[in-house]
Amino acid sequence: MTSKTRALVVEIKWNKAVLPDPLTAKNTDSGTKKSYNATVSTCDSGNKRGYYARGYFTQNDSHHDTSPKDIKSCG
């Protein structure tokens, strides 16, 4: 069996009324393993906005979004 390199991408996006939602922060974990872990955080200049996280593998067309939350980022 041949292992393929995969990349897990995790993004924090600003839930804006007009698409596409702006990317606030992003991180990636890649390799040929069974378990992936990518963490991401941002202060986004201390803004209070609705944010959500998006996770996906770059070799796949689907993604998963969390529900947007109003958060005052650090700052």
PDB file of N, CA and C in Angstrom:
ATOM      1  N   MET A   1       0.833  -1.174   0.000  1.00  0.00           N
ATOM      2  CA  MET A   1       0.000   0.000   0.000  1.00  0.00           C
ATOM      3  C   MET A   1       0.888   1.250   0.000  1.00  0.00           C
ATOM      4  N   THR A   2       0.571   2.201  -0.839  1.00  0.00           N
ATOM      5  CA  THR A   2       1.338   3.428  -0.962  1.00  0.00           C
ATOM      6  C   THR A   2       0.684   4.545  -0.160  1.00  0.00           C
ATOM      7  N   SER A   3       1.485   5.272   0.618  1.00  0.00           N
ATOM      8  CA  SER A   3       0.972   6.409   1.380  1.00  0.00           C
ATOM      9  C   SER A   3       1.004   7.661   0.518  1.00  0.00           C
ATOM     10  N   LYS A   4      -0.027   8.485   0.652  1.00  0.00           N
ATOM     11  CA  LYS A   4      -0.077   9.746  -0.073  1.00  0.00           C
ATOM     12  C   LYS A   4       0.053  10.893   0.907  1.00  0.00           C
ATOM     13  N   THR A   5       0.743  11.927   0.493  1.00  0.00           N
ATOM     14  CA  THR A   5       0.848  13.122   1.321  1.00  0.00           C
ATOM     15  C   THR A   5      -0.479  13.862   1.278  1.00  0.00           C
ATOM     16  N   ARG A   6      -0.973  14.222   2.469  1.00  0.00           N
ATOM     17  CA  ARG A   6      -2.211  14.985   2.592  1.00  0.00           C
ATOM     18  C   ARG A   6      -1.898  16.260   3.355  1.00  0.00           C
ATOM     19  N   ALA A   7      -2.751  17.251   3.193  1.00  0.00           N
ATOM     20  CA  ALA A   7      -2.583  18.510   3.930  1.00  0.00           C
ATOM     21  C   ALA A   7      -3.921  18.906   4.535  1.00  0.00           C
ATOM     22  N   LEU A   8      -3.947  19.044   5.861  1.00  0.00           N
ATOM     23  CA  LEU A   8      -5.104  19.562   6.578  1.00  0.00           C
ATOM     24  C   LEU A   8      -4.927  21.070   6.711  1.00  0.00           C
ATOM     25  N   VAL A   9      -5.935  21.820   6.308  1.00  0.00           N
ATOM     26  CA  VAL A   9      -5.906  23.282   6.401  1.00  0.00           C
ATOM     27  C   VAL A   9      -6.984  23.723   7.383  1.00  0.00           C
ATOM     28  N   VAL A  10      -6.613  24.596   8.319  1.00  0.00           N
ATOM     29  CA  VAL A  10      -7.556  25.170   9.278  1.00  0.00           C
ATOM     30  C   VAL A  10      -7.509  26.684   9.101  1.00  0.00           C
ATOM     31  N   GLU A  11      -8.680  27.297   8.942  1.00  0.00           N
ATOM     32  CA  GLU A  11      -8.768  28.736   8.721  1.00  0.00           C
ATOM     33  C   GLU A  11      -9.720  29.378   9.723  1.00  0.00           C
ATOM     34  N   ILE A  12      -9.437  30.623  10.093  1.00  0.00           N
ATOM     35  CA  ILE A  12     -10.403  31.456  10.815  1.00  0.00           C
ATOM     36  C   ILE A  12     -10.875  32.492   9.804  1.00  0.00           C
ATOM     37  N   LYS A  13     -12.201  32.571   9.637  1.00  0.00           N
ATOM     38  CA  LYS A  13     -12.767  33.498   8.660  1.00  0.00           C
ATOM     39  C   LYS A  13     -13.708  34.476   9.346  1.00  0.00           C
ATOM     40  N   TRP A  14     -13.785  35.666   8.792  1.00  0.00           N
ATOM     41  CA  TRP A  14     -14.697  36.694   9.255  1.00  0.00           C
ATOM     42  C   TRP A  14     -16.025  36.461   8.551  1.00  0.00           C
ATOM     43  N   ASN A  15     -17.090  36.268   9.325  1.00  0.00           N
ATOM     44  CA  ASN A  15     -18.413  36.003   8.771  1.00  0.00           C
ATOM     45  C   ASN A  15     -19.033  37.317   8.300  1.00  0.00           C
ATOM     46  N   LYS A  16     -18.665  37.731   7.112  1.00  0.00           N
ATOM     47  CA  LYS A  16     -19.095  39.011   6.549  1.00  0.00           C
ATOM     48  C   LYS A  16     -20.381  38.807   5.746  1.00  0.00           C
ATOM     49  N   ALA A  17     -21.187  39.841   5.632  1.00  0.00           N
ATOM     50  CA  ALA A  17     -22.458  39.738   4.914  1.00  0.00           C
ATOM     51  C   ALA A  17     -22.261  39.493   3.417  1.00  0.00           C
ATOM     52  N   VAL A  18     -21.128  39.897   2.871  1.00  0.00           N
ATOM     53  CA  VAL A  18     -20.859  39.743   1.443  1.00  0.00           C
ATOM     54  C   VAL A  18     -19.785  38.677   1.250  1.00  0.00           C
ATOM     55  N   LEU A  19     -20.042  37.701   0.390  1.00  0.00           N
ATOM     56  CA  LEU A  19     -19.062  36.645   0.117  1.00  0.00           C
ATOM     57  C   LEU A  19     -18.035  37.130  -0.891  1.00  0.00           C
ATOM     58  N   PRO A  20     -16.826  36.647  -0.916  1.00  0.00           N
ATOM     59  CA  PRO A  20     -16.312  35.618  -0.014  1.00  0.00           C
ATOM     60  C   PRO A  20     -15.908  36.207   1.334  1.00  0.00           C
ATOM     61  N   ASP A  21     -16.028  35.393   2.374  1.00  0.00           N
ATOM     62  CA  ASP A  21     -15.640  35.822   3.711  1.00  0.00           C
ATOM     63  C   ASP A  21     -14.120  35.969   3.783  1.00  0.00           C
ATOM     64  N   PRO A  22     -13.636  37.103   4.303  1.00  0.00           N
ATOM     65  CA  PRO A  22     -12.189  37.315   4.381  1.00  0.00           C
ATOM     66  C   PRO A  22     -11.492  36.331   5.317  1.00  0.00           C
ATOM     67  N   LEU A  23     -10.333  35.876   4.888  1.00  0.00           N
ATOM     68  CA  LEU A  23      -9.478  35.005   5.693  1.00  0.00           C
ATOM     69  C   LEU A  23      -8.764  35.842   6.739  1.00  0.00           C
ATOM     70  N   THR A  24      -8.851  35.430   8.006  1.00  0.00           N
ATOM     71  CA  THR A  24      -8.200  36.146   9.100  1.00  0.00           C
ATOM     72  C   THR A  24      -6.896  35.474   9.506  1.00  0.00           C
ATOM     73  N   ALA A  25      -6.885  34.140   9.537  1.00  0.00           N
ATOM     74  CA  ALA A  25      -5.681  33.390   9.906  1.00  0.00           C
ATOM     75  C   ALA A  25      -5.781  31.987   9.322  1.00  0.00           C
ATOM     76  N   LYS A  26      -4.616  31.340   9.149  1.00  0.00           N
ATOM     77  CA  LYS A  26      -4.595  30.022   8.506  1.00  0.00           C
ATOM     78  C   LYS A  26      -3.371  29.241   8.970  1.00  0.00           C
ATOM     79  N   ASN A  27      -3.517  27.909   9.087  1.00  0.00           N
ATOM     80  CA  ASN A  27      -2.388  27.041   9.404  1.00  0.00           C
ATOM     81  C   ASN A  27      -2.608  25.699   8.708  1.00  0.00           C
ATOM     82  N   THR A  28      -1.523  24.981   8.461  1.00  0.00           N
ATOM     83  CA  THR A  28      -1.578  23.713   7.736  1.00  0.00           C
ATOM     84  C   THR A  28      -0.719  22.670   8.428  1.00  0.00           C
ATOM     85  N   ASP A  29      -1.183  21.426   8.413  1.00  0.00           N
ATOM     86  CA  ASP A  29      -0.390  20.276   8.858  1.00  0.00           C
ATOM     87  C   ASP A  29      -0.430  19.262   7.724  1.00  0.00           C
ATOM     88  N   SER A  30       0.727  18.800   7.277  1.00  0.00           N
ATOM     89  CA  SER A  30       0.750  17.861   6.150  1.00  0.00           C
ATOM     90  C   SER A  30       1.687  16.704   6.425  1.00  0.00           C
ATOM     91  N   GLY A  31       1.518  15.663   5.651  1.00  0.00           N
ATOM     92  CA  GLY A  31       2.375  14.488   5.778  1.00  0.00           C
ATOM     93  C   GLY A  31       1.662  13.245   5.302  1.00  0.00           C
ATOM     94  N   THR A  32       2.201  12.096   5.678  1.00  0.00           N
ATOM     95  CA  THR A  32       1.625  10.796   5.324  1.00  0.00           C
ATOM     96  C   THR A  32       1.335  10.045   6.607  1.00  0.00           C
ATOM     97  N   LYS A  33       0.448  10.581   7.426  1.00  0.00           N
ATOM     98  CA  LYS A  33       0.170  10.008   8.741  1.00  0.00           C
ATOM     99  C   LYS A  33      -1.323   9.735   8.899  1.00  0.00           C
ATOM    100  N   LYS A  34      -1.678   9.112  10.014  1.00  0.00           N
ATOM    101  CA  LYS A  34      -3.077   8.797  10.288  1.00  0.00           C
ATOM    102  C   LYS A  34      -3.793   9.921  11.025  1.00  0.00           C
ATOM    103  N   SER A  35      -3.047  10.770  11.727  1.00  0.00           N
ATOM    104  CA  SER A  35      -3.642  11.829  12.533  1.00  0.00           C
ATOM    105  C   SER A  35      -2.988  13.171  12.191  1.00  0.00           C
ATOM    106  N   TYR A  36      -3.812  14.194  12.025  1.00  0.00           N
ATOM    107  CA  TYR A  36      -3.326  15.528  11.684  1.00  0.00           C
ATOM    108  C   TYR A  36      -3.788  16.514  12.747  1.00  0.00           C
ATOM    109  N   ASN A  37      -2.993  17.565  12.974  1.00  0.00           N
ATOM    110  CA  ASN A  37      -3.334  18.573  13.965  1.00  0.00           C
ATOM    111  C   ASN A  37      -2.800  19.919  13.490  1.00  0.00           C
ATOM    112  N   ALA A  38      -3.692  20.876  13.315  1.00  0.00           N
ATOM    113  CA  ALA A  38      -3.282  22.228  12.950  1.00  0.00           C
ATOM    114  C   ALA A  38      -4.049  23.199  13.835  1.00  0.00           C
ATOM    115  N   THR A  39      -3.335  24.062  14.530  1.00  0.00           N
ATOM    116  CA  THR A  39      -3.984  25.062  15.375  1.00  0.00           C
ATOM    117  C   THR A  39      -3.743  26.437  14.767  1.00  0.00           C
ATOM    118  N   VAL A  40      -4.700  27.317  14.995  1.00  0.00           N
ATOM    119  CA  VAL A  40      -4.591  28.667  14.438  1.00  0.00           C
ATOM    120  C   VAL A  40      -5.237  29.653  15.397  1.00  0.00           C
ATOM    121  N   SER A  41      -4.642  30.842  15.508  1.00  0.00           N
ATOM    122  CA  SER A  41      -5.214  31.895  16.345  1.00  0.00           C
ATOM    123  C   SER A  41      -4.813  33.241  15.761  1.00  0.00           C
ATOM    124  N   THR A  42      -5.535  34.279  16.182  1.00  0.00           N
ATOM    125  CA  THR A  42      -5.240  35.625  15.710  1.00  0.00           C
ATOM    126  C   THR A  42      -5.791  36.651  16.683  1.00  0.00           C
ATOM    127  N   CYS A  43      -5.175  37.810  16.720  1.00  0.00           N
ATOM    128  CA  CYS A  43      -5.724  38.933  17.497  1.00  0.00           C
ATOM    129  C   CYS A  43      -6.543  39.854  16.598  1.00  0.00           C
ATOM    130  N   ASP A  44      -6.386  39.794  15.307  1.00  0.00           N
ATOM    131  CA  ASP A  44      -7.162  40.556  14.327  1.00  0.00           C
ATOM    132  C   ASP A  44      -7.359  42.005  14.771  1.00  0.00           C
ATOM    133  N   SER A  45      -6.318  42.624  15.271  1.00  0.00           N
ATOM    134  CA  SER A  45      -6.317  44.038  15.683  1.00  0.00           C
ATOM    135  C   SER A  45      -7.360  44.377  16.743  1.00  0.00           C
ATOM    136  N   GLY A  46      -7.788  43.396  17.537  1.00  0.00           N
ATOM    137  CA  GLY A  46      -8.744  43.641  18.608  1.00  0.00           C
ATOM    138  C   GLY A  46     -10.172  43.871  18.147  1.00  0.00           C
ATOM    139  N   ASN A  47     -10.497  43.471  16.922  1.00  0.00           N
ATOM    140  CA  ASN A  47     -11.849  43.667  16.391  1.00  0.00           C
ATOM    141  C   ASN A  47     -12.875  42.774  17.064  1.00  0.00           C
ATOM    142  N   LYS A  48     -14.136  43.219  17.093  1.00  0.00           N
ATOM    143  CA  LYS A  48     -15.253  42.372  17.525  1.00  0.00           C
ATOM    144  C   LYS A  48     -16.069  42.071  16.273  1.00  0.00           C
ATOM    145  N   ARG A  49     -16.070  40.806  15.909  1.00  0.00           N
ATOM    146  CA  ARG A  49     -16.743  40.382  14.678  1.00  0.00           C
ATOM    147  C   ARG A  49     -17.276  38.970  14.864  1.00  0.00           C
ATOM    148  N   GLY A  50     -18.053  38.545  13.907  1.00  0.00           N
ATOM    149  CA  GLY A  50     -18.460  37.142  13.850  1.00  0.00           C
ATOM    150  C   GLY A  50     -17.384  36.350  13.133  1.00  0.00           C
ATOM    151  N   TYR A  51     -16.834  35.355  13.818  1.00  0.00           N
ATOM    152  CA  TYR A  51     -15.794  34.511  13.239  1.00  0.00           C
ATOM    153  C   TYR A  51     -16.266  33.068  13.205  1.00  0.00           C
ATOM    154  N   TYR A  52     -15.712  32.290  12.285  1.00  0.00           N
ATOM    155  CA  TYR A  52     -15.940  30.852  12.273  1.00  0.00           C
ATOM    156  C   TYR A  52     -14.678  30.162  11.773  1.00  0.00           C
ATOM    157  N   ALA A  53     -14.584  28.891  12.072  1.00  0.00           N
ATOM    158  CA  ALA A  53     -13.430  28.106  11.634  1.00  0.00           C
ATOM    159  C   ALA A  53     -13.840  27.213  10.474  1.00  0.00           C
ATOM    160  N   ARG A  54     -12.936  27.020   9.541  1.00  0.00           N
ATOM    161  CA  ARG A  54     -13.144  26.118   8.401  1.00  0.00           C
ATOM    162  C   ARG A  54     -11.995  25.134   8.373  1.00  0.00           C
ATOM    163  N   GLY A  55     -12.302  23.859   8.222  1.00  0.00           N
ATOM    164  CA  GLY A  55     -11.286  22.824   8.118  1.00  0.00           C
ATOM    165  C   GLY A  55     -11.509  21.989   6.875  1.00  0.00           C
ATOM    166  N   TYR A  56     -10.415  21.637   6.197  1.00  0.00           N
ATOM    167  CA  TYR A  56     -10.525  20.793   4.999  1.00  0.00           C
ATOM    168  C   TYR A  56      -9.169  20.190   4.649  1.00  0.00           C
ATOM    169  N   PHE A  57      -9.216  19.094   3.922  1.00  0.00           N
ATOM    170  CA  PHE A  57      -8.022  18.512   3.331  1.00  0.00           C
ATOM    171  C   PHE A  57      -7.912  19.040   1.908  1.00  0.00           C
ATOM    172  N   THR A  58      -6.717  19.436   1.499  1.00  0.00           N
ATOM    173  CA  THR A  58      -6.542  20.035   0.173  1.00  0.00           C
ATOM    174  C   THR A  58      -6.837  19.048  -0.957  1.00  0.00           C
ATOM    175  N   GLN A  59      -6.797  17.759  -0.687  1.00  0.00           N
ATOM    176  CA  GLN A  59      -7.060  16.761  -1.715  1.00  0.00           C
ATOM    177  C   GLN A  59      -8.546  16.401  -1.799  1.00  0.00           C
ATOM    178  N   ASN A  60      -9.406  17.171  -1.148  1.00  0.00           N
ATOM    179  CA  ASN A  60     -10.830  16.861  -1.075  1.00  0.00           C
ATOM    180  C   ASN A  60     -11.603  18.130  -1.411  1.00  0.00           C
ATOM    181  N   ASP A  61     -12.768  17.975  -2.035  1.00  0.00           N
ATOM    182  CA  ASP A  61     -13.576  19.131  -2.410  1.00  0.00           C
ATOM    183  C   ASP A  61     -14.486  19.614  -1.289  1.00  0.00           C
ATOM    184  N   SER A  62     -14.609  18.847  -0.194  1.00  0.00           N
ATOM    185  CA  SER A  62     -15.535  19.238   0.867  1.00  0.00           C
ATOM    186  C   SER A  62     -14.797  19.926   2.017  1.00  0.00           C
ATOM    187  N   HIS A  63     -15.554  20.655   2.829  1.00  0.00           N
ATOM    188  CA  HIS A  63     -14.996  21.328   3.996  1.00  0.00           C
ATOM    189  C   HIS A  63     -16.034  21.315   5.111  1.00  0.00           C
ATOM    190  N   HIS A  64     -15.605  21.664   6.310  1.00  0.00           N
ATOM    191  CA  HIS A  64     -16.520  21.766   7.453  1.00  0.00           C
ATOM    192  C   HIS A  64     -16.352  23.135   8.089  1.00  0.00           C
ATOM    193  N   ASP A  65     -17.486  23.829   8.308  1.00  0.00           N
ATOM    194  CA  ASP A  65     -17.472  25.131   8.972  1.00  0.00           C
ATOM    195  C   ASP A  65     -18.138  25.017  10.333  1.00  0.00           C
ATOM    196  N   THR A  66     -17.598  25.705  11.335  1.00  0.00           N
ATOM    197  CA  THR A  66     -18.272  25.804  12.623  1.00  0.00           C
ATOM    198  C   THR A  66     -19.331  26.894  12.522  1.00  0.00           C
ATOM    199  N   SER A  67     -20.200  26.988  13.504  1.00  0.00           N
ATOM    200  CA  SER A  67     -21.178  28.070  13.548  1.00  0.00           C
ATOM    201  C   SER A  67     -20.461  29.377  13.881  1.00  0.00           C
ATOM    202  N   PRO A  68     -20.849  30.491  13.238  1.00  0.00           N
ATOM    203  CA  PRO A  68     -20.201  31.771  13.555  1.00  0.00           C
ATOM    204  C   PRO A  68     -20.474  32.206  14.990  1.00  0.00           C
ATOM    205  N   LYS A  69     -19.478  32.791  15.615  1.00  0.00           N
ATOM    206  CA  LYS A  69     -19.580  33.311  16.979  1.00  0.00           C
ATOM    207  C   LYS A  69     -19.087  34.740  16.997  1.00  0.00           C
ATOM    208  N   ASP A  70     -19.798  35.646  17.698  1.00  0.00           N
ATOM    209  CA  ASP A  70     -19.314  37.017  17.883  1.00  0.00           C
ATOM    210  C   ASP A  70     -18.257  37.000  18.974  1.00  0.00           C
ATOM    211  N   ILE A  71     -17.061  37.406  18.617  1.00  0.00           N
ATOM    212  CA  ILE A  71     -15.922  37.351  19.538  1.00  0.00           C
ATOM    213  C   ILE A  71     -15.166  38.671  19.474  1.00  0.00           C
ATOM    214  N   LYS A  72     -14.808  39.200  20.633  1.00  0.00           N
ATOM    215  CA  LYS A  72     -13.883  40.344  20.704  1.00  0.00           C
ATOM    216  C   LYS A  72     -12.496  39.748  20.802  1.00  0.00           C
ATOM    217  N   SER A  73     -11.729  39.881  19.745  1.00  0.00           N
ATOM    218  CA  SER A  73     -10.391  39.291  19.743  1.00  0.00           C
ATOM    219  C   SER A  73      -9.478  40.087  20.673  1.00  0.00           C
ATOM    220  N   CYS A  74      -8.372  39.471  21.049  1.00  0.00           N
ATOM    221  CA  CYS A  74      -7.439  40.108  21.980  1.00  0.00           C
ATOM    222  C   CYS A  74      -6.947  41.434  21.398  1.00  0.00           C
ATOM    223  N   GLY A  75      -6.665  42.359  22.241  1.00  0.00           N
ATOM    224  CA  GLY A  75      -6.156  43.625  21.731  1.00  0.00           C
ATOM    225  C   GLY A  75      -6.454  44.777  22.641  1.00  0.00           C
TER     226      GLY A  75
END
